[in-house]
Amino acid sequence: MNQEQLAEQLHVTRQAVSNWETGKTQPDIEMLVKIAEYFDVSVEYLIYGKEPTTNSGEEVHRWVWNRGRFHFALSWYPERFVAIGGVLAMIISYVNWHSIGWALLHGLMNWVYVIYYMIRY
């Protein structure tokens, strides 16, 4: 697609499209919505170059495998794994040593590691 064809689709001049490409001017928000609809992408993708990765205010880690128009996304919430890991460490410790003290110690050590990881990274 060239500038003239895009300009026809958006009902603007070719010079306007050229100015957007060279960075001399930027399209207004209404035009961004039209461009996003035309190319079937989000406005965030046009502005930032990537899709947003948050979900209702929570941080979501997401891996996306792109193959043409096919997207396979895997999302997970790390706090769930931390909680499961802490509980699992406590259960394994209690089963092995039959001591609630060791179980609590290993559960606490799990949280110390999480705090260390958050500070470091």
PDB file of N, CA and C in Angstrom:
ATOM      1  N   MET A   1       0.854  -1.176   0.000  1.00  0.00           N
ATOM      2  CA  MET A   1       0.000   0.000   0.000  1.00  0.00           C
ATOM      3  C   MET A   1       0.899   1.238   0.000  1.00  0.00           C
ATOM      4  N   ASN A   2       0.589   2.161  -0.846  1.00  0.00           N
ATOM      5  CA  ASN A   2       1.366   3.399  -0.865  1.00  0.00           C
ATOM      6  C   ASN A   2       0.595   4.516  -0.165  1.00  0.00           C
ATOM      7  N   GLN A   3       1.242   5.672  -0.084  1.00  0.00           N
ATOM      8  CA  GLN A   3       0.654   6.801   0.652  1.00  0.00           C
ATOM      9  C   GLN A   3      -0.661   7.257   0.033  1.00  0.00           C
ATOM     10  N   GLU A   4      -0.725   7.247  -1.277  1.00  0.00           N
ATOM     11  CA  GLU A   4      -1.938   7.719  -1.935  1.00  0.00           C
ATOM     12  C   GLU A   4      -3.125   6.789  -1.662  1.00  0.00           C
ATOM     13  N   GLN A   5      -2.884   5.493  -1.678  1.00  0.00           N
ATOM     14  CA  GLN A   5      -3.957   4.537  -1.406  1.00  0.00           C
ATOM     15  C   GLN A   5      -4.459   4.667   0.028  1.00  0.00           C
ATOM     16  N   LEU A   6      -3.539   4.815   0.975  1.00  0.00           N
ATOM     17  CA  LEU A   6      -3.947   5.008   2.369  1.00  0.00           C
ATOM     18  C   LEU A   6      -4.706   6.316   2.541  1.00  0.00           C
ATOM     19  N   ALA A   7      -4.226   7.364   1.889  1.00  0.00           N
ATOM     20  CA  ALA A   7      -4.897   8.663   1.966  1.00  0.00           C
ATOM     21  C   ALA A   7      -6.334   8.561   1.443  1.00  0.00           C
ATOM     22  N   GLU A   8      -6.531   7.821   0.359  1.00  0.00           N
ATOM     23  CA  GLU A   8      -7.888   7.634  -0.173  1.00  0.00           C
ATOM     24  C   GLU A   8      -8.784   6.920   0.828  1.00  0.00           C
ATOM     25  N   GLN A   9      -8.268   5.880   1.457  1.00  0.00           N
ATOM     26  CA  GLN A   9      -9.055   5.110   2.416  1.00  0.00           C
ATOM     27  C   GLN A   9      -9.444   5.943   3.633  1.00  0.00           C
ATOM     28  N   LEU A  10      -8.544   6.853   4.050  1.00  0.00           N
ATOM     29  CA  LEU A  10      -8.784   7.653   5.252  1.00  0.00           C
ATOM     30  C   LEU A  10      -9.393   9.015   4.952  1.00  0.00           C
ATOM     31  N   HIS A  11      -9.564   9.320   3.654  1.00  0.00           N
ATOM     32  CA  HIS A  11     -10.126  10.602   3.218  1.00  0.00           C
ATOM     33  C   HIS A  11      -9.278  11.778   3.687  1.00  0.00           C
ATOM     34  N   VAL A  12      -7.965  11.661   3.479  1.00  0.00           N
ATOM     35  CA  VAL A  12      -7.024  12.756   3.753  1.00  0.00           C
ATOM     36  C   VAL A  12      -6.136  12.897   2.530  1.00  0.00           C
ATOM     37  N   THR A  13      -5.259  13.888   2.558  1.00  0.00           N
ATOM     38  CA  THR A  13      -4.351  14.076   1.424  1.00  0.00           C
ATOM     39  C   THR A  13      -3.121  13.176   1.563  1.00  0.00           C
ATOM     40  N   ARG A  14      -2.459  12.934   0.422  1.00  0.00           N
ATOM     41  CA  ARG A  14      -1.238  12.152   0.438  1.00  0.00           C
ATOM     42  C   ARG A  14      -0.163  12.857   1.247  1.00  0.00           C
ATOM     43  N   GLN A  15      -0.149  14.190   1.216  1.00  0.00           N
ATOM     44  CA  GLN A  15       0.834  14.962   1.972  1.00  0.00           C
ATOM     45  C   GLN A  15       0.654  14.754   3.479  1.00  0.00           C
ATOM     46  N   ALA A  16      -0.596  14.598   3.921  1.00  0.00           N
ATOM     47  CA  ALA A  16      -0.848  14.350   5.342  1.00  0.00           C
ATOM     48  C   ALA A  16      -0.224  13.017   5.752  1.00  0.00           C
ATOM     49  N   VAL A  17      -0.421  11.991   4.937  1.00  0.00           N
ATOM     50  CA  VAL A  17       0.161  10.678   5.235  1.00  0.00           C
ATOM     51  C   VAL A  17       1.688  10.777   5.221  1.00  0.00           C
ATOM     52  N   SER A  18       2.226  11.494   4.265  1.00  0.00           N
ATOM     53  CA  SER A  18       3.679  11.676   4.177  1.00  0.00           C
ATOM     54  C   SER A  18       4.216  12.371   5.416  1.00  0.00           C
ATOM     55  N   ASN A  19       3.519  13.396   5.885  1.00  0.00           N
ATOM     56  CA  ASN A  19       3.945  14.118   7.089  1.00  0.00           C
ATOM     57  C   ASN A  19       3.894  13.219   8.332  1.00  0.00           C
ATOM     58  N   TRP A  20       2.918  12.316   8.405  1.00  0.00           N
ATOM     59  CA  TRP A  20       2.851  11.372   9.530  1.00  0.00           C
ATOM     60  C   TRP A  20       4.053  10.439   9.494  1.00  0.00           C
ATOM     61  N   GLU A  21       4.374   9.941   8.294  1.00  0.00           N
ATOM     62  CA  GLU A  21       5.490   9.003   8.169  1.00  0.00           C
ATOM     63  C   GLU A  21       6.828   9.645   8.507  1.00  0.00           C
ATOM     64  N   THR A  22       7.019  10.888   8.119  1.00  0.00           N
ATOM     65  CA  THR A  22       8.299  11.559   8.373  1.00  0.00           C
ATOM     66  C   THR A  22       8.374  12.174   9.762  1.00  0.00           C
ATOM     67  N   GLY A  23       7.255  12.214  10.470  1.00  0.00           N
ATOM     68  CA  GLY A  23       7.249  12.757  11.820  1.00  0.00           C
ATOM     69  C   GLY A  23       7.073  14.263  11.892  1.00  0.00           C
ATOM     70  N   LYS A  24       6.769  14.886  10.775  1.00  0.00           N
ATOM     71  CA  LYS A  24       6.541  16.331  10.775  1.00  0.00           C
ATOM     72  C   LYS A  24       5.272  16.691  11.530  1.00  0.00           C
ATOM     73  N   THR A  25       4.246  15.867  11.348  1.00  0.00           N
ATOM     74  CA  THR A  25       2.989  16.053  12.073  1.00  0.00           C
ATOM     75  C   THR A  25       2.533  14.693  12.585  1.00  0.00           C
ATOM     76  N   GLN A  26       1.501  14.725  13.426  1.00  0.00           N
ATOM     77  CA  GLN A  26       0.929  13.492  13.952  1.00  0.00           C
ATOM     78  C   GLN A  26      -0.584  13.535  13.750  1.00  0.00           C
ATOM     79  N   PRO A  27      -1.174  12.385  13.485  1.00  0.00           N
ATOM     80  CA  PRO A  27      -2.635  12.374  13.324  1.00  0.00           C
ATOM     81  C   PRO A  27      -3.331  12.635  14.652  1.00  0.00           C
ATOM     82  N   ASP A  28      -4.513  13.264  14.583  1.00  0.00           N
ATOM     83  CA  ASP A  28      -5.260  13.486  15.816  1.00  0.00           C
ATOM     84  C   ASP A  28      -5.891  12.172  16.279  1.00  0.00           C
ATOM     85  N   ILE A  29      -6.520  12.192  17.437  1.00  0.00           N
ATOM     86  CA  ILE A  29      -7.032  10.968  18.043  1.00  0.00           C
ATOM     87  C   ILE A  29      -8.120  10.331  17.190  1.00  0.00           C
ATOM     88  N   GLU A  30      -8.953  11.133  16.568  1.00  0.00           N
ATOM     89  CA  GLU A  30      -9.998  10.576  15.702  1.00  0.00           C
ATOM     90  C   GLU A  30      -9.392   9.843  14.513  1.00  0.00           C
ATOM     91  N   MET A  31      -8.319  10.413  13.955  1.00  0.00           N
ATOM     92  CA  MET A  31      -7.658   9.781  12.827  1.00  0.00           C
ATOM     93  C   MET A  31      -6.926   8.513  13.272  1.00  0.00           C
ATOM     94  N   LEU A  32      -6.376   8.518  14.485  1.00  0.00           N
ATOM     95  CA  LEU A  32      -5.731   7.315  15.016  1.00  0.00           C
ATOM     96  C   LEU A  32      -6.731   6.171  15.127  1.00  0.00           C
ATOM     97  N   VAL A  33      -7.938   6.498  15.546  1.00  0.00           N
ATOM     98  CA  VAL A  33      -8.977   5.473  15.649  1.00  0.00           C
ATOM     99  C   VAL A  33      -9.302   4.916  14.263  1.00  0.00           C
ATOM    100  N   LYS A  34      -9.415   5.780  13.257  1.00  0.00           N
ATOM    101  CA  LYS A  34      -9.697   5.321  11.895  1.00  0.00           C
ATOM    102  C   LYS A  34      -8.567   4.449  11.353  1.00  0.00           C
ATOM    103  N   ILE A  35      -7.328   4.866  11.610  1.00  0.00           N
ATOM    104  CA  ILE A  35      -6.172   4.086  11.139  1.00  0.00           C
ATOM    105  C   ILE A  35      -6.153   2.724  11.819  1.00  0.00           C
ATOM    106  N   ALA A  36      -6.402   2.715  13.128  1.00  0.00           N
ATOM    107  CA  ALA A  36      -6.411   1.454  13.876  1.00  0.00           C
ATOM    108  C   ALA A  36      -7.506   0.523  13.352  1.00  0.00           C
ATOM    109  N   GLU A  37      -8.668   1.064  13.080  1.00  0.00           N
ATOM    110  CA  GLU A  37      -9.761   0.245  12.538  1.00  0.00           C
ATOM    111  C   GLU A  37      -9.402  -0.298  11.163  1.00  0.00           C
ATOM    112  N   TYR A  38      -8.792   0.547  10.340  1.00  0.00           N
ATOM    113  CA  TYR A  38      -8.443   0.120   8.987  1.00  0.00           C
ATOM    114  C   TYR A  38      -7.432  -1.033   9.000  1.00  0.00           C
ATOM    115  N   PHE A  39      -6.409  -0.927   9.864  1.00  0.00           N
ATOM    116  CA  PHE A  39      -5.372  -1.959   9.920  1.00  0.00           C
ATOM    117  C   PHE A  39      -5.690  -3.067  10.924  1.00  0.00           C
ATOM    118  N   ASP A  40      -6.849  -2.986  11.562  1.00  0.00           N
ATOM    119  CA  ASP A  40      -7.304  -4.002  12.518  1.00  0.00           C
ATOM    120  C   ASP A  40      -6.304  -4.194  13.665  1.00  0.00           C
ATOM    121  N   VAL A  41      -5.878  -3.075  14.242  1.00  0.00           N
ATOM    122  CA  VAL A  41      -5.000  -3.088  15.416  1.00  0.00           C
ATOM    123  C   VAL A  41      -5.580  -2.122  16.437  1.00  0.00           C
ATOM    124  N   SER A  42      -5.016  -2.117  17.643  1.00  0.00           N
ATOM    125  CA  SER A  42      -5.504  -1.185  18.660  1.00  0.00           C
ATOM    126  C   SER A  42      -4.780   0.154  18.523  1.00  0.00           C
ATOM    127  N   VAL A  43      -5.379   1.182  19.079  1.00  0.00           N
ATOM    128  CA  VAL A  43      -4.745   2.501  19.087  1.00  0.00           C
ATOM    129  C   VAL A  43      -3.447   2.445  19.888  1.00  0.00           C
ATOM    130  N   GLU A  44      -3.437   1.653  20.972  1.00  0.00           N
ATOM    131  CA  GLU A  44      -2.221   1.495  21.773  1.00  0.00           C
ATOM    132  C   GLU A  44      -1.087   0.926  20.934  1.00  0.00           C
ATOM    133  N   TYR A  45      -1.404   0.012  20.035  1.00  0.00           N
ATOM    134  CA  TYR A  45      -0.385  -0.562  19.167  1.00  0.00           C
ATOM    135  C   TYR A  45       0.186   0.508  18.250  1.00  0.00           C
ATOM    136  N   LEU A  46      -0.661   1.388  17.726  1.00  0.00           N
ATOM    137  CA  LEU A  46      -0.175   2.464  16.863  1.00  0.00           C
ATOM    138  C   LEU A  46       0.721   3.435  17.627  1.00  0.00           C
ATOM    139  N   ILE A  47       0.364   3.736  18.863  1.00  0.00           N
ATOM    140  CA  ILE A  47       1.116   4.728  19.637  1.00  0.00           C
ATOM    141  C   ILE A  47       2.397   4.140  20.211  1.00  0.00           C
ATOM    142  N   TYR A  48       2.297   2.972  20.853  1.00  0.00           N
ATOM    143  CA  TYR A  48       3.435   2.404  21.581  1.00  0.00           C
ATOM    144  C   TYR A  48       4.178   1.313  20.825  1.00  0.00           C
ATOM    145  N   GLY A  49       3.580   0.785  19.769  1.00  0.00           N
ATOM    146  CA  GLY A  49       4.227  -0.270  19.008  1.00  0.00           C
ATOM    147  C   GLY A  49       4.020  -1.656  19.582  1.00  0.00           C
ATOM    148  N   LYS A  50       3.211  -1.776  20.618  1.00  0.00           N
ATOM    149  CA  LYS A  50       2.900  -3.079  21.198  1.00  0.00           C
ATOM    150  C   LYS A  50       1.546  -3.008  21.870  1.00  0.00           C
ATOM    151  N   GLU A  51       0.951  -4.176  22.039  1.00  0.00           N
ATOM    152  CA  GLU A  51      -0.341  -4.253  22.701  1.00  0.00           C
ATOM    153  C   GLU A  51      -0.158  -4.096  24.213  1.00  0.00           C
ATOM    154  N   PRO A  52      -1.141  -3.549  24.911  1.00  0.00           N
ATOM    155  CA  PRO A  52      -1.031  -3.431  26.366  1.00  0.00           C
ATOM    156  C   PRO A  52      -0.997  -4.804  27.018  1.00  0.00           C
ATOM    157  N   THR A  53      -0.258  -4.930  28.140  1.00  0.00           N
ATOM    158  CA  THR A  53      -0.113  -6.232  28.800  1.00  0.00           C
ATOM    159  C   THR A  53      -0.696  -6.232  30.195  1.00  0.00           C
ATOM    160  N   THR A  54      -1.546  -5.280  30.508  1.00  0.00           N
ATOM    161  CA  THR A  54      -2.161  -5.277  31.828  1.00  0.00           C
ATOM    162  C   THR A  54      -3.615  -5.678  31.703  1.00  0.00           C
ATOM    163  N   ASN A  55      -4.127  -6.216  32.792  1.00  0.00           N
ATOM    164  CA  ASN A  55      -5.509  -6.681  32.811  1.00  0.00           C
ATOM    165  C   ASN A  55      -6.152  -6.193  34.098  1.00  0.00           C
ATOM    166  N   SER A  56      -7.058  -5.272  33.973  1.00  0.00           N
ATOM    167  CA  SER A  56      -7.800  -4.694  35.105  1.00  0.00           C
ATOM    168  C   SER A  56      -6.884  -4.254  36.240  1.00  0.00           C
ATOM    169  N   GLY A  57      -5.806  -3.540  35.892  1.00  0.00           N
ATOM    170  CA  GLY A  57      -4.927  -2.975  36.909  1.00  0.00           C
ATOM    171  C   GLY A  57      -3.890  -3.925  37.456  1.00  0.00           C
ATOM    172  N   GLU A  58      -3.969  -5.218  37.149  1.00  0.00           N
ATOM    173  CA  GLU A  58      -2.998  -6.176  37.651  1.00  0.00           C
ATOM    174  C   GLU A  58      -1.927  -6.406  36.592  1.00  0.00           C
ATOM    175  N   GLU A  59      -0.708  -6.632  37.039  1.00  0.00           N
ATOM    176  CA  GLU A  59       0.365  -6.935  36.119  1.00  0.00           C
ATOM    177  C   GLU A  59       0.222  -8.377  35.644  1.00  0.00           C
ATOM    178  N   VAL A  60       0.192  -8.564  34.361  1.00  0.00           N
ATOM    179  CA  VAL A  60       0.053  -9.899  33.784  1.00  0.00           C
ATOM    180  C   VAL A  60       1.284 -10.155  32.928  1.00  0.00           C
ATOM    181  N   HIS A  61       1.953 -11.256  33.178  1.00  0.00           N
ATOM    182  CA  HIS A  61       3.069 -11.643  32.331  1.00  0.00           C
ATOM    183  C   HIS A  61       2.505 -12.449  31.190  1.00  0.00           C
ATOM    184  N   ARG A  62       2.925 -12.121  29.989  1.00  0.00           N
ATOM    185  CA  ARG A  62       2.277 -12.710  28.836  1.00  0.00           C
ATOM    186  C   ARG A  62       3.308 -13.017  27.766  1.00  0.00           C
ATOM    187  N   TRP A  63       3.230 -14.214  27.251  1.00  0.00           N
ATOM    188  CA  TRP A  63       4.055 -14.587  26.109  1.00  0.00           C
ATOM    189  C   TRP A  63       3.131 -14.748  24.925  1.00  0.00           C
ATOM    190  N   VAL A  64       3.499 -14.137  23.811  1.00  0.00           N
ATOM    191  CA  VAL A  64       2.673 -14.232  22.617  1.00  0.00           C
ATOM    192  C   VAL A  64       3.520 -14.812  21.489  1.00  0.00           C
ATOM    193  N   TRP A  65       3.016 -15.866  20.888  1.00  0.00           N
ATOM    194  CA  TRP A  65       3.677 -16.469  19.744  1.00  0.00           C
ATOM    195  C   TRP A  65       2.929 -16.030  18.507  1.00  0.00           C
ATOM    196  N   ASN A  66       3.601 -15.278  17.656  1.00  0.00           N
ATOM    197  CA  ASN A  66       2.956 -14.766  16.448  1.00  0.00           C
ATOM    198  C   ASN A  66       3.402 -15.588  15.247  1.00  0.00           C
ATOM    199  N   ARG A  67       2.455 -16.043  14.501  1.00  0.00           N
ATOM    200  CA  ARG A  67       2.737 -16.748  13.249  1.00  0.00           C
ATOM    201  C   ARG A  67       1.738 -16.226  12.239  1.00  0.00           C
ATOM    202  N   GLY A  68       2.113 -15.197  11.502  1.00  0.00           N
ATOM    203  CA  GLY A  68       1.169 -14.575  10.578  1.00  0.00           C
ATOM    204  C   GLY A  68       0.079 -13.873  11.363  1.00  0.00           C
ATOM    205  N   ARG A  69      -1.156 -14.246  11.135  1.00  0.00           N
ATOM    206  CA  ARG A  69      -2.284 -13.638  11.839  1.00  0.00           C
ATOM    207  C   ARG A  69      -2.718 -14.468  13.036  1.00  0.00           C
ATOM    208  N   PHE A  70      -2.000 -15.566  13.324  1.00  0.00           N
ATOM    209  CA  PHE A  70      -2.344 -16.440  14.437  1.00  0.00           C
ATOM    210  C   PHE A  70      -1.552 -16.028  15.668  1.00  0.00           C
ATOM    211  N   HIS A  71      -2.231 -15.825  16.771  1.00  0.00           N
ATOM    212  CA  HIS A  71      -1.576 -15.442  18.023  1.00  0.00           C
ATOM    213  C   HIS A  71      -1.909 -16.473  19.093  1.00  0.00           C
ATOM    214  N   PHE A  72      -0.880 -17.016  19.708  1.00  0.00           N
ATOM    215  CA  PHE A  72      -1.084 -17.897  20.847  1.00  0.00           C
ATOM    216  C   PHE A  72      -0.521 -17.184  22.057  1.00  0.00           C
ATOM    217  N   ALA A  73      -1.353 -16.868  23.032  1.00  0.00           N
ATOM    218  CA  ALA A  73      -0.915 -16.109  24.203  1.00  0.00           C
ATOM    219  C   ALA A  73      -1.077 -16.952  25.454  1.00  0.00           C
ATOM    220  N   LEU A  74      -0.073 -16.882  26.311  1.00  0.00           N
ATOM    221  CA  LEU A  74      -0.106 -17.560  27.597  1.00  0.00           C
ATOM    222  C   LEU A  74       0.072 -16.502  28.672  1.00  0.00           C
ATOM    223  N   SER A  75      -0.915 -16.341  29.517  1.00  0.00           N
ATOM    224  CA  SER A  75      -0.856 -15.354  30.591  1.00  0.00           C
ATOM    225  C   SER A  75      -0.844 -16.066  31.933  1.00  0.00           C
ATOM    226  N   TRP A  76      -0.083 -15.528  32.863  1.00  0.00           N
ATOM    227  CA  TRP A  76      -0.058 -16.097  34.204  1.00  0.00           C
ATOM    228  C   TRP A  76       0.175 -14.983  35.206  1.00  0.00           C
ATOM    229  N   TYR A  77      -0.236 -15.237  36.409  1.00  0.00           N
ATOM    230  CA  TYR A  77      -0.112 -14.278  37.484  1.00  0.00           C
ATOM    231  C   TYR A  77       0.920 -14.827  38.473  1.00  0.00           C
ATOM    232  N   PRO A  78       2.086 -14.192  38.590  1.00  0.00           N
ATOM    233  CA  PRO A  78       3.154 -14.751  39.413  1.00  0.00           C
ATOM    234  C   PRO A  78       2.797 -14.899  40.888  1.00  0.00           C
ATOM    235  N   GLU A  79       1.922 -14.056  41.406  1.00  0.00           N
ATOM    236  CA  GLU A  79       1.594 -14.160  42.829  1.00  0.00           C
ATOM    237  C   GLU A  79       0.908 -15.486  43.149  1.00  0.00           C
ATOM    238  N   ARG A  80       0.207 -16.048  42.176  1.00  0.00           N
ATOM    239  CA  ARG A  80      -0.428 -17.352  42.400  1.00  0.00           C
ATOM    240  C   ARG A  80       0.624 -18.443  42.571  1.00  0.00           C
ATOM    241  N   PHE A  81       1.671 -18.381  41.748  1.00  0.00           N
ATOM    242  CA  PHE A  81       2.735 -19.379  41.846  1.00  0.00           C
ATOM    243  C   PHE A  81       3.525 -19.227  43.140  1.00  0.00           C
ATOM    244  N   VAL A  82       3.693 -18.000  43.595  1.00  0.00           N
ATOM    245  CA  VAL A  82       4.396 -17.764  44.855  1.00  0.00           C
ATOM    246  C   VAL A  82       3.606 -18.367  46.008  1.00  0.00           C
ATOM    247  N   ALA A  83       2.319 -18.141  46.036  1.00  0.00           N
ATOM    248  CA  ALA A  83       1.480 -18.695  47.105  1.00  0.00           C
ATOM    249  C   ALA A  83       1.476 -20.221  47.064  1.00  0.00           C
ATOM    250  N   ILE A  84       1.339 -20.776  45.878  1.00  0.00           N
ATOM    251  CA  ILE A  84       1.354 -22.239  45.745  1.00  0.00           C
ATOM    252  C   ILE A  84       2.705 -22.795  46.166  1.00  0.00           C
ATOM    253  N   GLY A  85       3.793 -22.125  45.765  1.00  0.00           N
ATOM    254  CA  GLY A  85       5.130 -22.575  46.136  1.00  0.00           C
ATOM    255  C   GLY A  85       5.351 -22.546  47.637  1.00  0.00           C
ATOM    256  N   GLY A  86       4.864 -21.506  48.308  1.00  0.00           N
ATOM    257  CA  GLY A  86       5.006 -21.416  49.760  1.00  0.00           C
ATOM    258  C   GLY A  86       4.254 -22.518  50.473  1.00  0.00           C
ATOM    259  N   VAL A  87       3.038 -22.762  50.046  1.00  0.00           N
ATOM    260  CA  VAL A  87       2.232 -23.824  50.660  1.00  0.00           C
ATOM    261  C   VAL A  87       2.862 -25.184  50.392  1.00  0.00           C
ATOM    262  N   LEU A  88       3.335 -25.399  49.170  1.00  0.00           N
ATOM    263  CA  LEU A  88       3.966 -26.667  48.826  1.00  0.00           C
ATOM    264  C   LEU A  88       5.236 -26.896  49.645  1.00  0.00           C
ATOM    265  N   ALA A  89       6.043 -25.860  49.825  1.00  0.00           N
ATOM    266  CA  ALA A  89       7.254 -25.984  50.648  1.00  0.00           C
ATOM    267  C   ALA A  89       6.901 -26.357  52.083  1.00  0.00           C
ATOM    268  N   MET A  90       5.857 -25.768  52.618  1.00  0.00           N
ATOM    269  CA  MET A  90       5.453 -26.081  53.987  1.00  0.00           C
ATOM    270  C   MET A  90       4.944 -27.521  54.101  1.00  0.00           C
ATOM    271  N   ILE A  91       4.178 -27.977  53.136  1.00  0.00           N
ATOM    272  CA  ILE A  91       3.648 -29.342  53.173  1.00  0.00           C
ATOM    273  C   ILE A  91       4.775 -30.361  53.075  1.00  0.00           C
ATOM    274  N   ILE A  92       5.684 -30.153  52.129  1.00  0.00           N
ATOM    275  CA  ILE A  92       6.801 -31.083  51.962  1.00  0.00           C
ATOM    276  C   ILE A  92       7.667 -31.116  53.214  1.00  0.00           C
ATOM    277  N   SER A  93       7.933 -29.953  53.796  1.00  0.00           N
ATOM    278  CA  SER A  93       8.737 -29.901  55.023  1.00  0.00           C
ATOM    279  C   SER A  93       8.051 -30.638  56.162  1.00  0.00           C
ATOM    280  N   TYR A  94       6.761 -30.452  56.313  1.00  0.00           N
ATOM    281  CA  TYR A  94       6.044 -31.126  57.401  1.00  0.00           C
ATOM    282  C   TYR A  94       6.029 -32.636  57.197  1.00  0.00           C
ATOM    283  N   VAL A  95       5.821 -33.077  55.952  1.00  0.00           N
ATOM    284  CA  VAL A  95       5.791 -34.517  55.661  1.00  0.00           C
ATOM    285  C   VAL A  95       7.157 -35.149  55.926  1.00  0.00           C
ATOM    286  N   ASN A  96       8.237 -34.468  55.544  1.00  0.00           N
ATOM    287  CA  ASN A  96       9.585 -35.030  55.709  1.00  0.00           C
ATOM    288  C   ASN A  96      10.054 -35.018  57.161  1.00  0.00           C
ATOM    289  N   TRP A  97       9.842 -33.913  57.884  1.00  0.00           N
ATOM    290  CA  TRP A  97      10.404 -33.784  59.232  1.00  0.00           C
ATOM    291  C   TRP A  97       9.354 -33.859  60.344  1.00  0.00           C
ATOM    292  N   HIS A  98       8.101 -33.943  60.018  1.00  0.00           N
ATOM    293  CA  HIS A  98       7.011 -34.020  61.001  1.00  0.00           C
ATOM    294  C   HIS A  98       7.127 -32.918  62.048  1.00  0.00           C
ATOM    295  N   SER A  99       7.454 -31.737  61.561  1.00  0.00           N
ATOM    296  CA  SER A  99       7.625 -30.601  62.467  1.00  0.00           C
ATOM    297  C   SER A  99       6.995 -29.367  61.831  1.00  0.00           C
ATOM    298  N   ILE A 100       6.095 -28.758  62.548  1.00  0.00           N
ATOM    299  CA  ILE A 100       5.468 -27.540  62.054  1.00  0.00           C
ATOM    300  C   ILE A 100       6.479 -26.396  62.017  1.00  0.00           C
ATOM    301  N   GLY A 101       7.471 -26.447  62.888  1.00  0.00           N
ATOM    302  CA  GLY A 101       8.518 -25.418  62.905  1.00  0.00           C
ATOM    303  C   GLY A 101       9.298 -25.375  61.601  1.00  0.00           C
ATOM    304  N   TRP A 102       9.729 -26.572  61.119  1.00  0.00           N
ATOM    305  CA  TRP A 102      10.447 -26.618  59.844  1.00  0.00           C
ATOM    306  C   TRP A 102       9.540 -26.180  58.703  1.00  0.00           C
ATOM    307  N   ALA A 103       8.284 -26.554  58.760  1.00  0.00           N
ATOM    308  CA  ALA A 103       7.345 -26.170  57.706  1.00  0.00           C
ATOM    309  C   ALA A 103       7.198 -24.649  57.647  1.00  0.00           C
ATOM    310  N   LEU A 104       7.036 -24.016  58.799  1.00  0.00           N
ATOM    311  CA  LEU A 104       6.920 -22.554  58.823  1.00  0.00           C
ATOM    312  C   LEU A 104       8.216 -21.885  58.368  1.00  0.00           C
ATOM    313  N   LEU A 105       9.357 -22.467  58.749  1.00  0.00           N
ATOM    314  CA  LEU A 105      10.657 -21.914  58.340  1.00  0.00           C
ATOM    315  C   LEU A 105      10.785 -21.944  56.817  1.00  0.00           C
ATOM    316  N   HIS A 106      10.433 -23.054  56.195  1.00  0.00           N
ATOM    317  CA  HIS A 106      10.540 -23.140  54.745  1.00  0.00           C
ATOM    318  C   HIS A 106       9.531 -22.236  54.040  1.00  0.00           C
ATOM    319  N   GLY A 107       8.356 -22.087  54.588  1.00  0.00           N
ATOM    320  CA  GLY A 107       7.393 -21.146  54.027  1.00  0.00           C
ATOM    321  C   GLY A 107       7.892 -19.716  54.122  1.00  0.00           C
ATOM    322  N   LEU A 108       8.505 -19.374  55.260  1.00  0.00           N
ATOM    323  CA  LEU A 108       9.077 -18.042  55.453  1.00  0.00           C
ATOM    324  C   LEU A 108      10.252 -17.809  54.498  1.00  0.00           C
ATOM    325  N   MET A 109      11.081 -18.842  54.310  1.00  0.00           N
ATOM    326  CA  MET A 109      12.211 -18.713  53.390  1.00  0.00           C
ATOM    327  C   MET A 109      11.732 -18.449  51.963  1.00  0.00           C
ATOM    328  N   ASN A 110      10.614 -19.011  51.599  1.00  0.00           N
ATOM    329  CA  ASN A 110      10.035 -18.757  50.284  1.00  0.00           C
ATOM    330  C   ASN A 110       9.715 -17.267  50.133  1.00  0.00           C
ATOM    331  N   TRP A 111       9.093 -16.674  51.131  1.00  0.00           N
ATOM    332  CA  TRP A 111       8.755 -15.252  51.055  1.00  0.00           C
ATOM    333  C   TRP A 111       9.983 -14.364  51.099  1.00  0.00           C
ATOM    334  N   VAL A 112      11.026 -14.773  51.827  1.00  0.00           N
ATOM    335  CA  VAL A 112      12.278 -14.009  51.837  1.00  0.00           C
ATOM    336  C   VAL A 112      12.865 -13.985  50.423  1.00  0.00           C
ATOM    337  N   TYR A 113      12.830 -15.117  49.746  1.00  0.00           N
ATOM    338  CA  TYR A 113      13.327 -15.172  48.377  1.00  0.00           C
ATOM    339  C   TYR A 113      12.504 -14.262  47.465  1.00  0.00           C
ATOM    340  N   VAL A 114      11.200 -14.260  47.629  1.00  0.00           N
ATOM    341  CA  VAL A 114      10.341 -13.416  46.796  1.00  0.00           C
ATOM    342  C   VAL A 114      10.664 -11.943  47.012  1.00  0.00           C
ATOM    343  N   ILE A 115      10.826 -11.536  48.255  1.00  0.00           N
ATOM    344  CA  ILE A 115      11.157 -10.135  48.550  1.00  0.00           C
ATOM    345  C   ILE A 115      12.517  -9.780  47.971  1.00  0.00           C
ATOM    346  N   TYR A 116      13.501 -10.688  48.110  1.00  0.00           N
ATOM    347  CA  TYR A 116      14.819 -10.459  47.521  1.00  0.00           C
ATOM    348  C   TYR A 116      14.703 -10.282  46.011  1.00  0.00           C
ATOM    349  N   TYR A 117      13.930 -11.121  45.357  1.00  0.00           N
ATOM    350  CA  TYR A 117      13.750 -11.069  43.911  1.00  0.00           C
ATOM    351  C   TYR A 117      13.104  -9.737  43.511  1.00  0.00           C
ATOM    352  N   MET A 118      12.103  -9.293  44.263  1.00  0.00           N
ATOM    353  CA  MET A 118      11.430  -8.036  43.927  1.00  0.00           C
ATOM    354  C   MET A 118      12.370  -6.851  44.084  1.00  0.00           C
ATOM    355  N   ILE A 119      13.219  -6.860  45.111  1.00  0.00           N
ATOM    356  CA  ILE A 119      14.157  -5.760  45.324  1.00  0.00           C
ATOM    357  C   ILE A 119      15.217  -5.755  44.221  1.00  0.00           C
ATOM    358  N   ARG A 120      15.711  -6.935  43.900  1.00  0.00           N
ATOM    359  CA  ARG A 120      16.803  -7.029  42.944  1.00  0.00           C
ATOM    360  C   ARG A 120      16.355  -6.697  41.524  1.00  0.00           C
ATOM    361  N   TYR A 121      15.178  -7.140  41.138  1.00  0.00           N
ATOM    362  CA  TYR A 121      14.746  -6.945  39.755  1.00  0.00           C
ATOM    363  C   TYR A 121      13.617  -5.970  39.672  1.00  0.00           C
TER     364      TYR A 121
END
